[in-house]
Amino acid sequence: MAATTQELALRYLLELSVDIHAAALVDCDGSLIAAAPDSFGGGAAKLARELAAEARALAPEGATTVEIDVSVEDGAAFIICGADHSMICVTGRSVLPGLIFHDMHAVLTDLDRAAAQEAQRVAIPVTGHPRAADG
């Protein structure tokens, strides 16, 4: 899936929830896949990678998804770690965690759906017609 798809999804997340100020996707190897807004980078990217790694380390054995929220004096961070990637969101202090996680899950579901559609599209031959299973 093109990185622009993930970037667009994160921008949509920021529009979906005015309480989310920044968002990032980190793959399971700790590489930053996408981030929004465009000014996200440097120290913020490093912190997103570190938060994803710490969340994965805290995951109980056998867990497929982990949700963590951390509050500090000026705001909060929300992390969802899945099998393939982690999403990190930064918000202001007074937010409803359930709503933030709901919006994050909605965007992650859309990304998973887009990845499945892309995989299916790639599996279809150039002619645009699936190959017949039987001759």
C-alpha atoms as a PDB file:
ATOM      1  CA  MET A   1       0.000   0.000   0.000  1.00  0.00           C
ATOM      2  CA  ALA A   2       1.346   3.432  -0.900  1.00  0.00           C
ATOM      3  CA  ALA A   3       2.569   5.553   2.005  1.00  0.00           C
ATOM      4  CA  THR A   4       0.344   8.362   0.790  1.00  0.00           C
ATOM      5  CA  THR A   5      -2.674   6.225   1.724  1.00  0.00           C
ATOM      6  CA  GLN A   6      -1.497   6.097   5.331  1.00  0.00           C
ATOM      7  CA  GLU A   7      -0.688   9.811   5.345  1.00  0.00           C
ATOM      8  CA  LEU A   8      -4.157  10.628   4.012  1.00  0.00           C
ATOM      9  CA  ALA A   9      -5.695   8.357   6.654  1.00  0.00           C
ATOM     10  CA  LEU A  10      -3.845  10.192   9.415  1.00  0.00           C
ATOM     11  CA  ARG A  11      -4.900  13.574   8.034  1.00  0.00           C
ATOM     12  CA  TYR A  12      -8.476  12.290   7.976  1.00  0.00           C
ATOM     13  CA  LEU A  13      -8.077  11.225  11.625  1.00  0.00           C
ATOM     14  CA  LEU A  14      -7.024  14.755  12.553  1.00  0.00           C
ATOM     15  CA  GLU A  15     -10.119  16.103  10.786  1.00  0.00           C
ATOM     16  CA  LEU A  16     -12.337  13.438  12.348  1.00  0.00           C
ATOM     17  CA  SER A  17     -11.280  14.354  15.864  1.00  0.00           C
ATOM     18  CA  VAL A  18     -10.404  17.969  16.545  1.00  0.00           C
ATOM     19  CA  ASP A  19      -8.937  16.797  19.860  1.00  0.00           C
ATOM     20  CA  ILE A  20      -6.133  14.898  18.120  1.00  0.00           C
ATOM     21  CA  HIS A  21      -3.240  17.255  17.396  1.00  0.00           C
ATOM     22  CA  ALA A  22      -0.788  14.791  15.813  1.00  0.00           C
ATOM     23  CA  ALA A  23      -0.744  11.165  14.731  1.00  0.00           C
ATOM     24  CA  ALA A  24       1.833   8.669  13.542  1.00  0.00           C
ATOM     25  CA  LEU A  25       1.996   5.125  12.212  1.00  0.00           C
ATOM     26  CA  VAL A  26       5.020   3.028  13.141  1.00  0.00           C
ATOM     27  CA  ASP A  27       5.708  -0.434  11.709  1.00  0.00           C
ATOM     28  CA  CYS A  28       6.608  -3.416  13.903  1.00  0.00           C
ATOM     29  CA  ASP A  29      10.327  -2.795  13.224  1.00  0.00           C
ATOM     30  CA  GLY A  30      10.067   0.734  14.638  1.00  0.00           C
ATOM     31  CA  SER A  31      10.190   2.657  11.364  1.00  0.00           C
ATOM     32  CA  LEU A  32       7.915   5.643  10.916  1.00  0.00           C
ATOM     33  CA  ILE A  33       5.436   4.834   8.124  1.00  0.00           C
ATOM     34  CA  ALA A  34       3.453   8.074   8.093  1.00  0.00           C
ATOM     35  CA  ALA A  35       2.686  11.087  10.239  1.00  0.00           C
ATOM     36  CA  ALA A  36       0.391  14.094  10.329  1.00  0.00           C
ATOM     37  CA  PRO A  37       0.515  17.054  10.359  1.00  0.00           C
ATOM     38  CA  ASP A  38       3.356  17.721   7.937  1.00  0.00           C
ATOM     39  CA  SER A  39       5.401  19.396  10.686  1.00  0.00           C
ATOM     40  CA  PHE A  40       5.582  16.066  12.566  1.00  0.00           C
ATOM     41  CA  GLY A  41       9.179  14.896  12.590  1.00  0.00           C
ATOM     42  CA  GLY A  42      12.483  14.983  14.422  1.00  0.00           C
ATOM     43  CA  GLY A  43      11.900  14.579  18.142  1.00  0.00           C
ATOM     44  CA  ALA A  44       8.215  13.785  17.681  1.00  0.00           C
ATOM     45  CA  ALA A  45       8.996  10.934  15.296  1.00  0.00           C
ATOM     46  CA  LYS A  46      11.601   9.545  17.697  1.00  0.00           C
ATOM     47  CA  LEU A  47       9.131   9.733  20.589  1.00  0.00           C
ATOM     48  CA  ALA A  48       6.426   7.982  18.510  1.00  0.00           C
ATOM     49  CA  ARG A  49       8.849   5.137  17.757  1.00  0.00           C
ATOM     50  CA  GLU A  50       9.825   4.882  21.437  1.00  0.00           C
ATOM     51  CA  LEU A  51       6.189   4.877  22.607  1.00  0.00           C
ATOM     52  CA  ALA A  52       5.328   2.124  20.125  1.00  0.00           C
ATOM     53  CA  ALA A  53       8.285   0.028  21.300  1.00  0.00           C
ATOM     54  CA  GLU A  54       7.369   0.496  24.972  1.00  0.00           C
ATOM     55  CA  ALA A  55       3.715  -0.383  24.292  1.00  0.00           C
ATOM     56  CA  ARG A  56       4.758  -3.567  22.492  1.00  0.00           C
ATOM     57  CA  ALA A  57       7.029  -4.466  25.417  1.00  0.00           C
ATOM     58  CA  LEU A  58       4.134  -4.044  27.872  1.00  0.00           C
ATOM     59  CA  ALA A  59       1.782  -6.243  25.843  1.00  0.00           C
ATOM     60  CA  PRO A  60       0.722  -9.431  27.582  1.00  0.00           C
ATOM     61  CA  GLU A  61       1.908 -12.618  25.893  1.00  0.00           C
ATOM     62  CA  GLY A  62      -0.470 -13.617  23.096  1.00  0.00           C
ATOM     63  CA  ALA A  63      -2.157 -10.206  22.868  1.00  0.00           C
ATOM     64  CA  THR A  64      -3.064  -9.221  19.298  1.00  0.00           C
ATOM     65  CA  THR A  65      -3.862  -5.588  20.105  1.00  0.00           C
ATOM     66  CA  VAL A  66      -2.735  -3.356  22.941  1.00  0.00           C
ATOM     67  CA  GLU A  67      -4.249   0.016  23.868  1.00  0.00           C
ATOM     68  CA  ILE A  68      -2.422   2.415  26.150  1.00  0.00           C
ATOM     69  CA  ASP A  69      -3.122   5.997  27.104  1.00  0.00           C
ATOM     70  CA  VAL A  70      -0.687   8.194  28.976  1.00  0.00           C
ATOM     71  CA  SER A  71      -1.549  11.550  30.517  1.00  0.00           C
ATOM     72  CA  VAL A  72       0.904  14.303  31.305  1.00  0.00           C
ATOM     73  CA  GLU A  73       0.419  17.835  32.541  1.00  0.00           C
ATOM     74  CA  ASP A  74      -0.208  19.387  29.113  1.00  0.00           C
ATOM     75  CA  GLY A  75      -1.837  16.535  27.205  1.00  0.00           C
ATOM     76  CA  ALA A  76      -2.101  12.847  26.511  1.00  0.00           C
ATOM     77  CA  ALA A  77      -0.784  10.185  24.165  1.00  0.00           C
ATOM     78  CA  PHE A  78      -2.826   7.249  22.916  1.00  0.00           C
ATOM     79  CA  ILE A  79      -1.217   4.150  21.447  1.00  0.00           C
ATOM     80  CA  ILE A  80      -2.767   1.175  19.687  1.00  0.00           C
ATOM     81  CA  CYS A  81      -0.343  -1.611  18.810  1.00  0.00           C
ATOM     82  CA  GLY A  82      -1.464  -4.285  16.390  1.00  0.00           C
ATOM     83  CA  ALA A  83       0.291  -7.117  14.619  1.00  0.00           C
ATOM     84  CA  ASP A  84       1.596  -5.010  11.714  1.00  0.00           C
ATOM     85  CA  HIS A  85       1.832  -1.463  13.016  1.00  0.00           C
ATOM     86  CA  SER A  86       1.176   0.932  15.870  1.00  0.00           C
ATOM     87  CA  MET A  87      -0.767   4.189  15.820  1.00  0.00           C
ATOM     88  CA  ILE A  88       0.196   6.972  18.196  1.00  0.00           C
ATOM     89  CA  CYS A  89      -1.963  10.062  18.736  1.00  0.00           C
ATOM     90  CA  VAL A  90      -1.257  13.172  20.766  1.00  0.00           C
ATOM     91  CA  THR A  91      -4.125  15.164  22.240  1.00  0.00           C
ATOM     92  CA  GLY A  92      -4.870  17.920  24.678  1.00  0.00           C
ATOM     93  CA  ARG A  93      -5.435  17.046  28.337  1.00  0.00           C
ATOM     94  CA  SER A  94      -9.247  17.065  28.553  1.00  0.00           C
ATOM     95  CA  VAL A  95     -10.389  14.401  26.087  1.00  0.00           C
ATOM     96  CA  LEU A  96     -12.568  11.330  26.361  1.00  0.00           C
ATOM     97  CA  PRO A  97     -10.236   8.342  25.899  1.00  0.00           C
ATOM     98  CA  GLY A  98     -13.042   6.118  24.618  1.00  0.00           C
ATOM     99  CA  LEU A  99     -13.774   8.523  21.760  1.00  0.00           C
ATOM    100  CA  ILE A 100     -10.114   8.887  20.830  1.00  0.00           C
ATOM    101  CA  PHE A 101      -9.656   5.104  20.744  1.00  0.00           C
ATOM    102  CA  HIS A 102     -12.883   4.754  18.741  1.00  0.00           C
ATOM    103  CA  ASP A 103     -11.636   7.179  16.085  1.00  0.00           C
ATOM    104  CA  MET A 104      -8.217   5.525  16.003  1.00  0.00           C
ATOM    105  CA  HIS A 105      -9.773   2.073  15.555  1.00  0.00           C
ATOM    106  CA  ALA A 106     -12.018   3.391  12.777  1.00  0.00           C
ATOM    107  CA  VAL A 107      -9.027   4.675  10.812  1.00  0.00           C
ATOM    108  CA  LEU A 108      -6.991   1.522  11.472  1.00  0.00           C
ATOM    109  CA  THR A 109      -9.921  -0.577  10.214  1.00  0.00           C
ATOM    110  CA  ASP A 110     -10.074   1.560   7.067  1.00  0.00           C
ATOM    111  CA  LEU A 111      -6.320   1.093   6.547  1.00  0.00           C
ATOM    112  CA  ASP A 112      -6.635  -2.670   6.962  1.00  0.00           C
ATOM    113  CA  ARG A 113      -9.520  -2.698   4.482  1.00  0.00           C
ATOM    114  CA  ALA A 114      -7.504  -0.638   1.982  1.00  0.00           C
ATOM    115  CA  ALA A 115      -4.518  -2.989   2.354  1.00  0.00           C
ATOM    116  CA  ALA A 116      -6.751  -6.018   1.718  1.00  0.00           C
ATOM    117  CA  GLN A 117      -8.231  -4.358  -1.377  1.00  0.00           C
ATOM    118  CA  GLU A 118      -4.748  -3.503  -2.638  1.00  0.00           C
ATOM    119  CA  ALA A 119      -3.614  -7.094  -2.128  1.00  0.00           C
ATOM    120  CA  GLN A 120      -6.664  -8.313  -4.028  1.00  0.00           C
ATOM    121  CA  ARG A 121      -6.054  -5.804  -6.836  1.00  0.00           C
ATOM    122  CA  VAL A 122      -2.452  -6.937  -7.183  1.00  0.00           C
ATOM    123  CA  ALA A 123      -3.597 -10.576  -7.333  1.00  0.00           C
ATOM    124  CA  ILE A 124      -5.842  -9.888 -10.352  1.00  0.00           C
ATOM    125  CA  PRO A 125      -4.004 -10.366 -13.689  1.00  0.00           C
ATOM    126  CA  VAL A 126      -3.278  -7.410 -15.964  1.00  0.00           C
ATOM    127  CA  THR A 127      -6.320  -8.182 -18.127  1.00  0.00           C
ATOM    128  CA  GLY A 128      -8.494  -7.249 -15.187  1.00  0.00           C
ATOM    129  CA  HIS A 129     -10.157 -10.648 -15.052  1.00  0.00           C
ATOM    130  CA  PRO A 130      -9.401 -13.237 -12.397  1.00  0.00           C
ATOM    131  CA  ARG A 131      -7.961 -16.450 -13.736  1.00  0.00           C
ATOM    132  CA  ALA A 132     -10.366 -19.339 -13.877  1.00  0.00           C
ATOM    133  CA  ALA A 133      -9.645 -21.895 -11.186  1.00  0.00           C
ATOM    134  CA  ASP A 134     -10.666 -24.759 -13.450  1.00  0.00           C
ATOM    135  CA  GLY A 135      -9.817 -25.128 -17.146  1.00  0.00           C
END
